[in-house]
C-alpha cells in the first residue's frame, strides 16, 4: 500500500517513465504527454493497491504503452453519428429528458477539454485536492495547475454561454 507522500515523492519519475514508454510506442511527443497525464491520474486512484516503487514504475510503463497503442488504434477508426429528433412539450418526462441531454452535453464538453485540463479539473472538483496536491500528483508546478484550472473553467463557461445563446 503506497501512501500519498510516497506517491507524490516519486510522481515526477513515474511521469517521465510514462512519457518515454508512450513515445516509444509511436504516439508522438504531445500524445505521450497526454498519455502520461492520464496514467498519473489512474495511478493516483490505484495508489492503495501499489506495493512498491518498482511496482508503480512497472505499472506506469506498461499502462502508458498500452494506452498509447489504444490511441493509435482509435485514430484509425471512423465513428458514425445519427440525427436525433426532439419533440417539444411541457411534461415531466420532457423535463427529465432535457436534464439527461444537458448532462450528456456537459459530459461531452468535459471530455472535449484537453486531457491535462480535464484531469486537473477532476482532481480539483471531484477529489477536492488543492493546487499543491494536484501538482504533486501530476508532477507539474502549482502555477501550472492554476493556469490549467482557469483555462478549463473559461472554456466550459464559454461553451455554456454559446449553448444558451443557441436555445
Foldseek 3Di string as FASTA:
>chain_A
DADLVNLLVCQQVLLVLLLVLLVVLPQDNVVSNLLSQVQLLVCVVVVVVQDDPVSSSVSSNVSSNVVSVVVVVVVPDDDDDDDDDDDDDDDPVNVVVVVVVVVVVLVVLLVPQRSNLSSLCCCCPPVVDQLVSSCSSNVHDSVVSVVSPVVSVVSSVVVVVVVVVVD
